[in-house]
C-alpha atoms as a PDB file:
ATOM      1  CA  UNK A   1     -10.611   7.840 -16.061  1.00  0.00           C
ATOM      2  CA  UNK A   2      -9.519  10.543 -13.657  1.00  0.00           C
ATOM      3  CA  UNK A   3      -8.320   9.366 -10.290  1.00  0.00           C
ATOM      4  CA  UNK A   4     -10.748  10.076  -7.467  1.00  0.00           C
ATOM      5  CA  UNK A   5      -9.982  12.439  -4.574  1.00  0.00           C
ATOM      6  CA  UNK A   6      -9.612  11.563  -0.887  1.00  0.00           C
ATOM      7  CA  UNK A   7     -12.771  13.458   0.055  1.00  0.00           C
ATOM      8  CA  UNK A   8     -14.924  11.519  -2.406  1.00  0.00           C
ATOM      9  CA  UNK A   9     -13.370   8.139  -1.730  1.00  0.00           C
ATOM     10  CA  UNK A  10     -13.692   7.520   2.031  1.00  0.00           C
ATOM     11  CA  UNK A  11     -16.579   5.089   1.628  1.00  0.00           C
ATOM     12  CA  UNK A  12     -15.049   3.578  -1.477  1.00  0.00           C
ATOM     13  CA  UNK A  13     -11.684   2.994   0.170  1.00  0.00           C
ATOM     14  CA  UNK A  14     -13.438   1.419   3.149  1.00  0.00           C
ATOM     15  CA  UNK A  15     -15.251  -0.972   0.831  1.00  0.00           C
ATOM     16  CA  UNK A  16     -12.040  -1.785  -1.007  1.00  0.00           C
ATOM     17  CA  UNK A  17     -10.348  -2.574   2.293  1.00  0.00           C
ATOM     18  CA  UNK A  18     -13.176  -4.891   3.330  1.00  0.00           C
ATOM     19  CA  UNK A  19     -13.748  -6.683   0.014  1.00  0.00           C
ATOM     20  CA  UNK A  20     -12.388 -10.159   0.430  1.00  0.00           C
ATOM     21  CA  UNK A  21     -13.721 -13.047  -1.613  1.00  0.00           C
ATOM     22  CA  UNK A  22     -15.666 -13.455  -4.816  1.00  0.00           C
ATOM     23  CA  UNK A  23     -18.459 -15.340  -3.063  1.00  0.00           C
ATOM     24  CA  UNK A  24     -21.963 -13.874  -3.445  1.00  0.00           C
ATOM     25  CA  UNK A  25     -23.229 -12.149  -0.320  1.00  0.00           C
ATOM     26  CA  UNK A  26     -26.369 -10.228   0.592  1.00  0.00           C
ATOM     27  CA  UNK A  27     -26.108  -6.546  -0.404  1.00  0.00           C
ATOM     28  CA  UNK A  28     -24.541  -4.509   2.431  1.00  0.00           C
ATOM     29  CA  UNK A  29     -26.290  -1.496   3.903  1.00  0.00           C
ATOM     30  CA  UNK A  30     -24.139   1.296   2.565  1.00  0.00           C
ATOM     31  CA  UNK A  31     -24.254   4.455   0.514  1.00  0.00           C
ATOM     32  CA  UNK A  32     -24.634   4.427  -3.253  1.00  0.00           C
ATOM     33  CA  UNK A  33     -21.012   5.429  -3.997  1.00  0.00           C
ATOM     34  CA  UNK A  34     -19.664   2.700  -1.711  1.00  0.00           C
ATOM     35  CA  UNK A  35     -22.004   0.111  -3.224  1.00  0.00           C
ATOM     36  CA  UNK A  36     -20.810   1.052  -6.682  1.00  0.00           C
ATOM     37  CA  UNK A  37     -17.227   0.666  -5.531  1.00  0.00           C
ATOM     38  CA  UNK A  38     -18.010  -2.797  -4.175  1.00  0.00           C
ATOM     39  CA  UNK A  39     -19.340  -3.962  -7.524  1.00  0.00           C
ATOM     40  CA  UNK A  40     -16.423  -2.375  -9.306  1.00  0.00           C
ATOM     41  CA  UNK A  41     -13.845  -3.866  -6.954  1.00  0.00           C
ATOM     42  CA  UNK A  42     -15.179  -7.419  -7.272  1.00  0.00           C
ATOM     43  CA  UNK A  43     -15.249  -7.091 -11.052  1.00  0.00           C
ATOM     44  CA  UNK A  44     -11.666  -5.836 -10.959  1.00  0.00           C
ATOM     45  CA  UNK A  45     -10.148  -8.798  -9.134  1.00  0.00           C
ATOM     46  CA  UNK A  46      -7.534 -10.460 -11.303  1.00  0.00           C
ATOM     47  CA  UNK A  47      -4.800 -13.048 -10.974  1.00  0.00           C
ATOM     48  CA  UNK A  48      -1.440 -11.367 -11.557  1.00  0.00           C
ATOM     49  CA  UNK A  49       2.136 -12.629 -11.651  1.00  0.00           C
ATOM     50  CA  UNK A  50       3.799 -11.264  -8.449  1.00  0.00           C
ATOM     51  CA  UNK A  51       6.879 -10.285 -10.488  1.00  0.00           C
ATOM     52  CA  UNK A  52       4.755  -7.634 -12.234  1.00  0.00           C
ATOM     53  CA  UNK A  53       3.858  -5.867  -8.989  1.00  0.00           C
ATOM     54  CA  UNK A  54       6.101  -3.201  -7.476  1.00  0.00           C
ATOM     55  CA  UNK A  55       6.019  -1.798  -3.966  1.00  0.00           C
ATOM     56  CA  UNK A  56       4.377   1.579  -3.439  1.00  0.00           C
ATOM     57  CA  UNK A  57       4.094   4.198  -0.745  1.00  0.00           C
ATOM     58  CA  UNK A  58       5.115   4.561   2.903  1.00  0.00           C
ATOM     59  CA  UNK A  59       5.751   1.286   4.688  1.00  0.00           C
ATOM     60  CA  UNK A  60       3.571   0.349   7.629  1.00  0.00           C
ATOM     61  CA  UNK A  61       5.203  -2.728   9.144  1.00  0.00           C
ATOM     62  CA  UNK A  62       8.467  -2.480  11.058  1.00  0.00           C
ATOM     63  CA  UNK A  63       9.798  -5.535   9.198  1.00  0.00           C
ATOM     64  CA  UNK A  64       9.577  -3.390   6.056  1.00  0.00           C
ATOM     65  CA  UNK A  65      11.490  -0.515   7.647  1.00  0.00           C
ATOM     66  CA  UNK A  66      14.415  -2.677   8.725  1.00  0.00           C
ATOM     67  CA  UNK A  67      15.915  -6.123   8.359  1.00  0.00           C
ATOM     68  CA  UNK A  68      16.838  -6.165  12.071  1.00  0.00           C
ATOM     69  CA  UNK A  69      14.962  -8.441  14.441  1.00  0.00           C
ATOM     70  CA  UNK A  70      12.253  -9.814  12.177  1.00  0.00           C
ATOM     71  CA  UNK A  71      11.852 -12.968  14.278  1.00  0.00           C
ATOM     72  CA  UNK A  72       8.547 -11.729  15.710  1.00  0.00           C
ATOM     73  CA  UNK A  73       6.983 -11.731  12.237  1.00  0.00           C
ATOM     74  CA  UNK A  74       8.394 -15.030  10.971  1.00  0.00           C
ATOM     75  CA  UNK A  75       5.874 -17.360  12.613  1.00  0.00           C
ATOM     76  CA  UNK A  76       2.813 -15.421  11.455  1.00  0.00           C
ATOM     77  CA  UNK A  77       4.202 -15.178   7.911  1.00  0.00           C
ATOM     78  CA  UNK A  78       4.819 -18.920   7.752  1.00  0.00           C
ATOM     79  CA  UNK A  79       1.265 -19.478   8.994  1.00  0.00           C
ATOM     80  CA  UNK A  80       0.005 -17.201   6.222  1.00  0.00           C
ATOM     81  CA  UNK A  81       2.000 -19.123   3.598  1.00  0.00           C
ATOM     82  CA  UNK A  82       0.667 -22.436   4.861  1.00  0.00           C
ATOM     83  CA  UNK A  83      -2.886 -21.089   4.787  1.00  0.00           C
ATOM     84  CA  UNK A  84      -2.536 -19.930   1.170  1.00  0.00           C
ATOM     85  CA  UNK A  85      -0.832 -23.181   0.178  1.00  0.00           C
ATOM     86  CA  UNK A  86      -3.600 -25.291   1.727  1.00  0.00           C
ATOM     87  CA  UNK A  87      -6.704 -23.219   1.085  1.00  0.00           C
ATOM     88  CA  UNK A  88      -5.766 -20.627  -1.495  1.00  0.00           C
ATOM     89  CA  UNK A  89      -5.590 -16.852  -1.145  1.00  0.00           C
ATOM     90  CA  UNK A  90      -8.938 -15.806   0.331  1.00  0.00           C
ATOM     91  CA  UNK A  91      -8.384 -12.044   0.558  1.00  0.00           C
ATOM     92  CA  UNK A  92      -7.112 -10.148  -2.510  1.00  0.00           C
ATOM     93  CA  UNK A  93      -4.456  -7.486  -2.248  1.00  0.00           C
ATOM     94  CA  UNK A  94      -5.081  -3.963  -3.527  1.00  0.00           C
ATOM     95  CA  UNK A  95      -3.076  -2.669  -6.500  1.00  0.00           C
ATOM     96  CA  UNK A  96      -3.258   0.075  -9.078  1.00  0.00           C
ATOM     97  CA  UNK A  97      -1.761   0.280 -12.541  1.00  0.00           C
ATOM     98  CA  UNK A  98       1.769   1.619 -12.671  1.00  0.00           C
ATOM     99  CA  UNK A  99       3.001   4.365 -14.961  1.00  0.00           C
ATOM    100  CA  UNK A 100       5.199   1.636 -16.424  1.00  0.00           C
ATOM    101  CA  UNK A 101       3.119  -0.214 -19.004  1.00  0.00           C
ATOM    102  CA  UNK A 102       2.057  -3.705 -17.911  1.00  0.00           C
ATOM    103  CA  UNK A 103       3.102  -3.282 -14.280  1.00  0.00           C
ATOM    104  CA  UNK A 104       1.210  -2.607 -11.052  1.00  0.00           C
ATOM    105  CA  UNK A 105       1.813  -0.945  -7.667  1.00  0.00           C
ATOM    106  CA  UNK A 106       0.882  -2.691  -4.411  1.00  0.00           C
ATOM    107  CA  UNK A 107      -1.179  -0.489  -2.074  1.00  0.00           C
ATOM    108  CA  UNK A 108      -1.636  -3.076   0.651  1.00  0.00           C
ATOM    109  CA  UNK A 109      -1.183  -6.828   1.043  1.00  0.00           C
ATOM    110  CA  UNK A 110       2.607  -7.022   0.846  1.00  0.00           C
ATOM    111  CA  UNK A 111       2.746 -10.179   2.996  1.00  0.00           C
ATOM    112  CA  UNK A 112       0.167 -11.937   0.823  1.00  0.00           C
ATOM    113  CA  UNK A 113       2.100 -10.819  -2.258  1.00  0.00           C
ATOM    114  CA  UNK A 114       5.358 -12.147  -0.813  1.00  0.00           C
ATOM    115  CA  UNK A 115       3.737 -15.424   0.227  1.00  0.00           C
ATOM    116  CA  UNK A 116       2.303 -16.026  -3.261  1.00  0.00           C
ATOM    117  CA  UNK A 117       5.644 -15.145  -4.818  1.00  0.00           C
ATOM    118  CA  UNK A 118       7.499 -17.645  -2.617  1.00  0.00           C
ATOM    119  CA  UNK A 119       4.867 -20.302  -3.342  1.00  0.00           C
ATOM    120  CA  UNK A 120       5.113 -19.717  -7.091  1.00  0.00           C
ATOM    121  CA  UNK A 121       1.453 -18.712  -7.319  1.00  0.00           C
ATOM    122  CA  UNK A 122      -0.297 -15.855  -9.033  1.00  0.00           C
ATOM    123  CA  UNK A 123      -1.706 -13.359  -6.576  1.00  0.00           C
ATOM    124  CA  UNK A 124      -5.368 -12.359  -6.521  1.00  0.00           C
ATOM    125  CA  UNK A 125      -5.416  -8.578  -6.745  1.00  0.00           C
ATOM    126  CA  UNK A 126      -8.123  -5.935  -6.702  1.00  0.00           C
ATOM    127  CA  UNK A 127      -7.098  -3.430  -9.395  1.00  0.00           C
ATOM    128  CA  UNK A 128      -8.374   0.072  -8.682  1.00  0.00           C
ATOM    129  CA  UNK A 129      -7.739   3.495 -10.236  1.00  0.00           C
ATOM    130  CA  UNK A 130      -7.061   5.601  -7.119  1.00  0.00           C
ATOM    131  CA  UNK A 131      -4.821   8.540  -6.259  1.00  0.00           C
ATOM    132  CA  UNK A 132      -2.078   8.631  -3.620  1.00  0.00           C
ATOM    133  CA  UNK A 133      -4.227  10.070  -0.823  1.00  0.00           C
ATOM    134  CA  UNK A 134      -6.981   7.499  -1.312  1.00  0.00           C
ATOM    135  CA  UNK A 135      -4.405   4.718  -1.510  1.00  0.00           C
ATOM    136  CA  UNK A 136      -3.054   5.806   1.878  1.00  0.00           C
ATOM    137  CA  UNK A 137      -6.568   5.853   3.298  1.00  0.00           C
ATOM    138  CA  UNK A 138      -7.247   2.347   1.979  1.00  0.00           C
ATOM    139  CA  UNK A 139      -3.990   1.117   3.535  1.00  0.00           C
ATOM    140  CA  UNK A 140      -4.917   2.687   6.872  1.00  0.00           C
ATOM    141  CA  UNK A 141      -8.429   1.233   6.794  1.00  0.00           C
ATOM    142  CA  UNK A 142      -7.131  -2.228   5.980  1.00  0.00           C
ATOM    143  CA  UNK A 143      -4.676  -2.076   8.877  1.00  0.00           C
ATOM    144  CA  UNK A 144      -7.384  -0.817  11.235  1.00  0.00           C
ATOM    145  CA  UNK A 145      -9.724  -3.634  10.188  1.00  0.00           C
ATOM    146  CA  UNK A 146      -7.060  -6.267  10.803  1.00  0.00           C
ATOM    147  CA  UNK A 147      -5.654  -4.567  13.935  1.00  0.00           C
ATOM    148  CA  UNK A 148      -2.228  -5.821  13.004  1.00  0.00           C
ATOM    149  CA  UNK A 149      -0.054  -2.749  13.590  1.00  0.00           C
ATOM    150  CA  UNK A 150       1.584  -2.183  16.945  1.00  0.00           C
ATOM    151  CA  UNK A 151       1.703   1.274  18.546  1.00  0.00           C
ATOM    152  CA  UNK A 152       5.284   1.760  17.412  1.00  0.00           C
ATOM    153  CA  UNK A 153       4.541   0.600  13.862  1.00  0.00           C
ATOM    154  CA  UNK A 154       1.710   3.152  13.716  1.00  0.00           C
ATOM    155  CA  UNK A 155       4.154   5.820  14.886  1.00  0.00           C
ATOM    156  CA  UNK A 156       6.651   4.919  12.171  1.00  0.00           C
ATOM    157  CA  UNK A 157       3.868   4.666   9.561  1.00  0.00           C
ATOM    158  CA  UNK A 158       2.625   8.146  10.515  1.00  0.00           C
ATOM    159  CA  UNK A 159       6.173   9.478  10.215  1.00  0.00           C
ATOM    160  CA  UNK A 160       6.608   7.823   6.808  1.00  0.00           C
ATOM    161  CA  UNK A 161       3.368   9.347   5.519  1.00  0.00           C
ATOM    162  CA  UNK A 162       4.474  12.838   6.556  1.00  0.00           C
ATOM    163  CA  UNK A 163       7.962  12.257   5.142  1.00  0.00           C
ATOM    164  CA  UNK A 164       6.251  11.445   1.834  1.00  0.00           C
ATOM    165  CA  UNK A 165       4.843  14.987   1.791  1.00  0.00           C
ATOM    166  CA  UNK A 166       1.368  14.516   3.275  1.00  0.00           C
ATOM    167  CA  UNK A 167       0.021  16.788   6.022  1.00  0.00           C
ATOM    168  CA  UNK A 168      -1.073  15.938   9.553  1.00  0.00           C
ATOM    169  CA  UNK A 169      -4.778  15.907   8.669  1.00  0.00           C
ATOM    170  CA  UNK A 170      -4.138  13.151   6.100  1.00  0.00           C
ATOM    171  CA  UNK A 171      -2.205  11.128   8.669  1.00  0.00           C
ATOM    172  CA  UNK A 172      -5.026  11.478  11.196  1.00  0.00           C
ATOM    173  CA  UNK A 173      -7.588  10.320   8.646  1.00  0.00           C
ATOM    174  CA  UNK A 174      -5.497   7.397   7.437  1.00  0.00           C
ATOM    175  CA  UNK A 175      -4.873   6.110  10.975  1.00  0.00           C
ATOM    176  CA  UNK A 176      -8.178   7.343  12.441  1.00  0.00           C
ATOM    177  CA  UNK A 177      -6.418   9.495  15.040  1.00  0.00           C
ATOM    178  CA  UNK A 178      -7.306  12.539  17.083  1.00  0.00           C
ATOM    179  CA  UNK A 179      -4.843  15.423  17.303  1.00  0.00           C
ATOM    180  CA  UNK A 180      -3.652  14.172  20.700  1.00  0.00           C
ATOM    181  CA  UNK A 181      -3.358  10.633  19.329  1.00  0.00           C
ATOM    182  CA  UNK A 182      -1.063  11.822  16.557  1.00  0.00           C
ATOM    183  CA  UNK A 183       0.872  13.897  19.091  1.00  0.00           C
ATOM    184  CA  UNK A 184       1.594  10.755  21.138  1.00  0.00           C
ATOM    185  CA  UNK A 185       2.938   9.007  18.030  1.00  0.00           C
ATOM    186  CA  UNK A 186       5.150  11.907  16.941  1.00  0.00           C
ATOM    187  CA  UNK A 187       6.551  12.294  20.453  1.00  0.00           C
ATOM    188  CA  UNK A 188       7.860   8.753  20.164  1.00  0.00           C
ATOM    189  CA  UNK A 189       9.353   9.046  16.673  1.00  0.00           C
ATOM    190  CA  UNK A 190      10.853  12.482  17.310  1.00  0.00           C
ATOM    191  CA  UNK A 191      12.661  11.444  20.482  1.00  0.00           C
ATOM    192  CA  UNK A 192      13.505   7.748  20.143  1.00  0.00           C
ATOM    193  CA  UNK A 193      16.326   7.284  17.596  1.00  0.00           C
ATOM    194  CA  UNK A 194      15.379   5.138  14.601  1.00  0.00           C
ATOM    195  CA  UNK A 195      18.285   2.786  15.318  1.00  0.00           C
ATOM    196  CA  UNK A 196      16.903   2.088  18.803  1.00  0.00           C
ATOM    197  CA  UNK A 197      13.418   1.457  17.447  1.00  0.00           C
ATOM    198  CA  UNK A 198      14.897  -0.937  14.899  1.00  0.00           C
ATOM    199  CA  UNK A 199      16.844  -2.796  17.593  1.00  0.00           C
ATOM    200  CA  UNK A 200      13.739  -3.156  19.761  1.00  0.00           C
ATOM    201  CA  UNK A 201      11.274  -4.118  17.042  1.00  0.00           C
ATOM    202  CA  UNK A 202       7.500  -3.823  16.686  1.00  0.00           C
ATOM    203  CA  UNK A 203       6.696  -4.841  20.287  1.00  0.00           C
ATOM    204  CA  UNK A 204       3.101  -5.809  19.413  1.00  0.00           C
ATOM    205  CA  UNK A 205       2.029  -6.211  23.055  1.00  0.00           C
ATOM    206  CA  UNK A 206       3.491  -2.891  24.200  1.00  0.00           C
ATOM    207  CA  UNK A 207       1.320   0.194  23.935  1.00  0.00           C
ATOM    208  CA  UNK A 208       1.697   3.923  24.350  1.00  0.00           C
ATOM    209  CA  UNK A 209       2.752   4.024  28.060  1.00  0.00           C
ATOM    210  CA  UNK A 210       5.961   2.043  27.594  1.00  0.00           C
ATOM    211  CA  UNK A 211       6.990   3.783  24.361  1.00  0.00           C
ATOM    212  CA  UNK A 212       6.219   7.187  25.872  1.00  0.00           C
ATOM    213  CA  UNK A 213       8.255   6.272  28.950  1.00  0.00           C
ATOM    214  CA  UNK A 214      11.194   5.425  26.697  1.00  0.00           C
ATOM    215  CA  UNK A 215      10.816   8.720  24.831  1.00  0.00           C
ATOM    216  CA  UNK A 216      10.825  10.586  28.175  1.00  0.00           C
ATOM    217  CA  UNK A 217      14.130   8.959  29.102  1.00  0.00           C
ATOM    218  CA  UNK A 218      15.735  10.314  25.931  1.00  0.00           C
ATOM    219  CA  UNK A 219      14.175  13.753  26.486  1.00  0.00           C
ATOM    220  CA  UNK A 220      15.495  13.867  30.065  1.00  0.00           C
ATOM    221  CA  UNK A 221      18.987  12.837  28.951  1.00  0.00           C
ATOM    222  CA  UNK A 222      18.855   9.673  31.045  1.00  0.00           C
ATOM    223  CA  UNK A 223      19.391   7.594  27.926  1.00  0.00           C
ATOM    224  CA  UNK A 224      21.408   8.183  24.755  1.00  0.00           C
ATOM    225  CA  UNK A 225      21.446   6.337  21.459  1.00  0.00           C
ATOM    226  CA  UNK A 226      24.863   4.914  22.263  1.00  0.00           C
ATOM    227  CA  UNK A 227      24.011   3.696  25.770  1.00  0.00           C
ATOM    228  CA  UNK A 228      20.650   2.300  24.644  1.00  0.00           C
ATOM    229  CA  UNK A 229      22.300   0.465  21.738  1.00  0.00           C
ATOM    230  CA  UNK A 230      24.890  -1.089  24.035  1.00  0.00           C
ATOM    231  CA  UNK A 231      22.229  -2.202  26.508  1.00  0.00           C
ATOM    232  CA  UNK A 232      20.066  -3.733  23.776  1.00  0.00           C
ATOM    233  CA  UNK A 233      23.017  -5.487  22.165  1.00  0.00           C
ATOM    234  CA  UNK A 234      24.018  -6.951  25.548  1.00  0.00           C
ATOM    235  CA  UNK A 235      20.634  -8.632  25.987  1.00  0.00           C
ATOM    236  CA  UNK A 236      20.519 -12.371  25.511  1.00  0.00           C
ATOM    237  CA  UNK A 237      19.588 -13.545  22.034  1.00  0.00           C
ATOM    238  CA  UNK A 238      16.081 -14.860  21.528  1.00  0.00           C
ATOM    239  CA  UNK A 239      14.196 -12.163  23.433  1.00  0.00           C
ATOM    240  CA  UNK A 240      10.964 -10.947  21.872  1.00  0.00           C
ATOM    241  CA  UNK A 241      10.666  -7.298  20.887  1.00  0.00           C
ATOM    242  CA  UNK A 242       8.305  -6.716  23.841  1.00  0.00           C
ATOM    243  CA  UNK A 243      10.908  -8.175  26.210  1.00  0.00           C
ATOM    244  CA  UNK A 244      13.660  -6.030  24.667  1.00  0.00           C
ATOM    245  CA  UNK A 245      11.636  -2.885  25.343  1.00  0.00           C
ATOM    246  CA  UNK A 246      10.713  -4.020  28.852  1.00  0.00           C
ATOM    247  CA  UNK A 247      14.294  -4.939  29.737  1.00  0.00           C
ATOM    248  CA  UNK A 248      15.657  -1.645  28.430  1.00  0.00           C
ATOM    249  CA  UNK A 249      13.236   0.302  30.630  1.00  0.00           C
ATOM    250  CA  UNK A 250      14.128  -1.858  33.650  1.00  0.00           C
ATOM    251  CA  UNK A 251      17.854  -1.445  33.040  1.00  0.00           C
ATOM    252  CA  UNK A 252      17.570   2.340  32.967  1.00  0.00           C
ATOM    253  CA  UNK A 253      15.464   2.245  36.142  1.00  0.00           C
ATOM    254  CA  UNK A 254      18.220   0.244  37.865  1.00  0.00           C
ATOM    255  CA  UNK A 255      20.836   2.800  36.891  1.00  0.00           C
ATOM    256  CA  UNK A 256      18.759   5.624  38.326  1.00  0.00           C
ATOM    257  CA  UNK A 257      18.196   3.892  41.678  1.00  0.00           C
ATOM    258  CA  UNK A 258      20.692   3.892  44.516  1.00  0.00           C
ATOM    259  CA  UNK A 259      22.259   0.430  44.857  1.00  0.00           C
ATOM    260  CA  UNK A 260      23.065  -1.120  48.223  1.00  0.00           C
ATOM    261  CA  UNK A 261      26.460   0.615  48.279  1.00  0.00           C
ATOM    262  CA  UNK A 262      24.696   3.975  48.448  1.00  0.00           C
ATOM    263  CA  UNK A 263      26.192   5.189  45.139  1.00  0.00           C
ATOM    264  CA  UNK A 264      23.906   6.666  42.499  1.00  0.00           C
ATOM    265  CA  UNK A 265      25.173   6.824  38.937  1.00  0.00           C
ATOM    266  CA  UNK A 266      23.691   9.035  36.217  1.00  0.00           C
ATOM    267  CA  UNK A 267      24.646   9.580  32.577  1.00  0.00           C
ATOM    268  CA  UNK A 268      23.539  13.152  31.672  1.00  0.00           C
ATOM    269  CA  UNK A 269      25.238  13.090  28.252  1.00  0.00           C
ATOM    270  CA  UNK A 270      27.074  10.438  26.280  1.00  0.00           C
ATOM    271  CA  UNK A 271      30.495   9.701  27.789  1.00  0.00           C
ATOM    272  CA  UNK A 272      29.906  11.648  31.038  1.00  0.00           C
ATOM    273  CA  UNK A 273      29.133   9.845  34.303  1.00  0.00           C
ATOM    274  CA  UNK A 274      28.260  11.430  37.646  1.00  0.00           C
ATOM    275  CA  UNK A 275      28.527   9.244  40.747  1.00  0.00           C
ATOM    276  CA  UNK A 276      26.854  10.414  43.929  1.00  0.00           C
ATOM    277  CA  UNK A 277      27.499   8.611  47.217  1.00  0.00           C
ATOM    278  CA  UNK A 278      26.870   9.365  50.860  1.00  0.00           C
ATOM    279  CA  UNK A 279      30.151  11.163  51.289  1.00  0.00           C
ATOM    280  CA  UNK A 280      31.162  12.442  47.853  1.00  0.00           C
ATOM    281  CA  UNK A 281      30.203  13.376  44.296  1.00  0.00           C
ATOM    282  CA  UNK A 282      32.503  12.537  41.388  1.00  0.00           C
ATOM    283  CA  UNK A 283      32.402  13.256  37.671  1.00  0.00           C
ATOM    284  CA  UNK A 284      34.180  11.427  34.868  1.00  0.00           C
ATOM    285  CA  UNK A 285      34.269  12.155  31.154  1.00  0.00           C
ATOM    286  CA  UNK A 286      35.687   9.761  28.572  1.00  0.00           C
ATOM    287  CA  UNK A 287      38.296  11.366  26.299  1.00  0.00           C
ATOM    288  CA  UNK A 288      37.454   8.893  23.566  1.00  0.00           C
ATOM    289  CA  UNK A 289      34.307   8.299  21.594  1.00  0.00           C
ATOM    290  CA  UNK A 290      31.654  10.582  20.177  1.00  0.00           C
ATOM    291  CA  UNK A 291      32.019  13.228  22.929  1.00  0.00           C
ATOM    292  CA  UNK A 292      35.821  13.288  23.115  1.00  0.00           C
ATOM    293  CA  UNK A 293      35.932  16.967  22.137  1.00  0.00           C
ATOM    294  CA  UNK A 294      33.510  17.872  24.928  1.00  0.00           C
ATOM    295  CA  UNK A 295      35.587  15.896  27.449  1.00  0.00           C
ATOM    296  CA  UNK A 296      38.711  17.806  26.376  1.00  0.00           C
ATOM    297  CA  UNK A 297      36.873  21.130  26.707  1.00  0.00           C
ATOM    298  CA  UNK A 298      35.561  20.108  30.117  1.00  0.00           C
ATOM    299  CA  UNK A 299      39.100  19.230  31.209  1.00  0.00           C
ATOM    300  CA  UNK A 300      40.237  22.768  30.507  1.00  0.00           C
ATOM    301  CA  UNK A 301      37.195  24.562  31.897  1.00  0.00           C
ATOM    302  CA  UNK A 302      35.859  22.448  34.751  1.00  0.00           C
ATOM    303  CA  UNK A 303      37.785  24.280  37.484  1.00  0.00           C
ATOM    304  CA  UNK A 304      36.458  27.646  36.336  1.00  0.00           C
ATOM    305  CA  UNK A 305      32.924  26.245  36.021  1.00  0.00           C
ATOM    306  CA  UNK A 306      33.060  24.962  39.609  1.00  0.00           C
ATOM    307  CA  UNK A 307      34.453  28.281  40.927  1.00  0.00           C
ATOM    308  CA  UNK A 308      31.698  30.232  39.174  1.00  0.00           C
ATOM    309  CA  UNK A 309      29.028  27.827  40.382  1.00  0.00           C
ATOM    310  CA  UNK A 310      30.346  28.009  43.928  1.00  0.00           C
ATOM    311  CA  UNK A 311      30.271  31.828  43.854  1.00  0.00           C
ATOM    312  CA  UNK A 312      26.658  31.740  42.658  1.00  0.00           C
ATOM    313  CA  UNK A 313      25.785  29.239  45.379  1.00  0.00           C
ATOM    314  CA  UNK A 314      27.370  31.222  48.232  1.00  0.00           C
ATOM    315  CA  UNK A 315      25.712  34.429  47.016  1.00  0.00           C
ATOM    316  CA  UNK A 316      22.280  33.023  47.832  1.00  0.00           C
ATOM    317  CA  UNK A 317      23.058  30.574  50.616  1.00  0.00           C
ATOM    318  CA  UNK A 318      24.370  31.328  54.130  1.00  0.00           C
ATOM    319  CA  UNK A 319      27.093  29.093  55.545  1.00  0.00           C
ATOM    320  CA  UNK A 320      26.062  28.506  59.146  1.00  0.00           C
ATOM    321  CA  UNK A 321      27.997  25.966  61.153  1.00  0.00           C
ATOM    322  CA  UNK A 322      24.979  23.865  62.047  1.00  0.00           C
END
């Protein structure tokens, strides 16, 4: 059977994402194609050995992007395992047959799959014949229904979808975004280094304003990957991902404010520090580290740069003794 297209499968993918148990329910009010998909999906639920199921597609959870700072997800995963152990797996995962004979690919439900694997149980899986675009849509719909992706996880998921070769319109449909909504996500992923995002974590309680504020700091040169990494690594262990993000923003705000001594310190580029006090301005550049070459160049050219800047300044400013 030919795999269905994204355009034809919106209702079907929505039904797949919602189908949960094998209990009989009253027929839902839906279109004929979606109703047919519901019947087909329930008939296609099987119990499969987790070892026969491979991962597929762009990852959506930050814990799948990186092994750093997964503490935030540990408690909820243990709760899921306990629930499956005590009451069985109520919601099937979605899979499709792999090109490798006898194997399957997991579209969504990785945590349920992992939990069943660790418990030594077969996993209940809804086996559907769907193409890549529809699989992405089903994943997005399932996440939207559960509301379990943070703003930053959505941003990374959107980036992963585009990195897999899909266009912006597919991303918007998968995550149910407007053009401006997608723009907010890409602003974050394009300007916040992946390493910094990994060190912070999913930050499930932190929305667009805080992540956008962090992106603006990188855009303005007030924060670099190196300085942000050092600040995050200096934080006390045990902080939640939301607290790591909050503390990083507060730390940068402290650096930009004038302390009681009247000295303001800024870090325009990595390794360069400008200190501005009531009576003087000083600049220092480290001759070691990632910007050592720039520091060496600055050492040989700073005098000329200052002379040229001073000439430009005096050309447009009078020097009255007032």
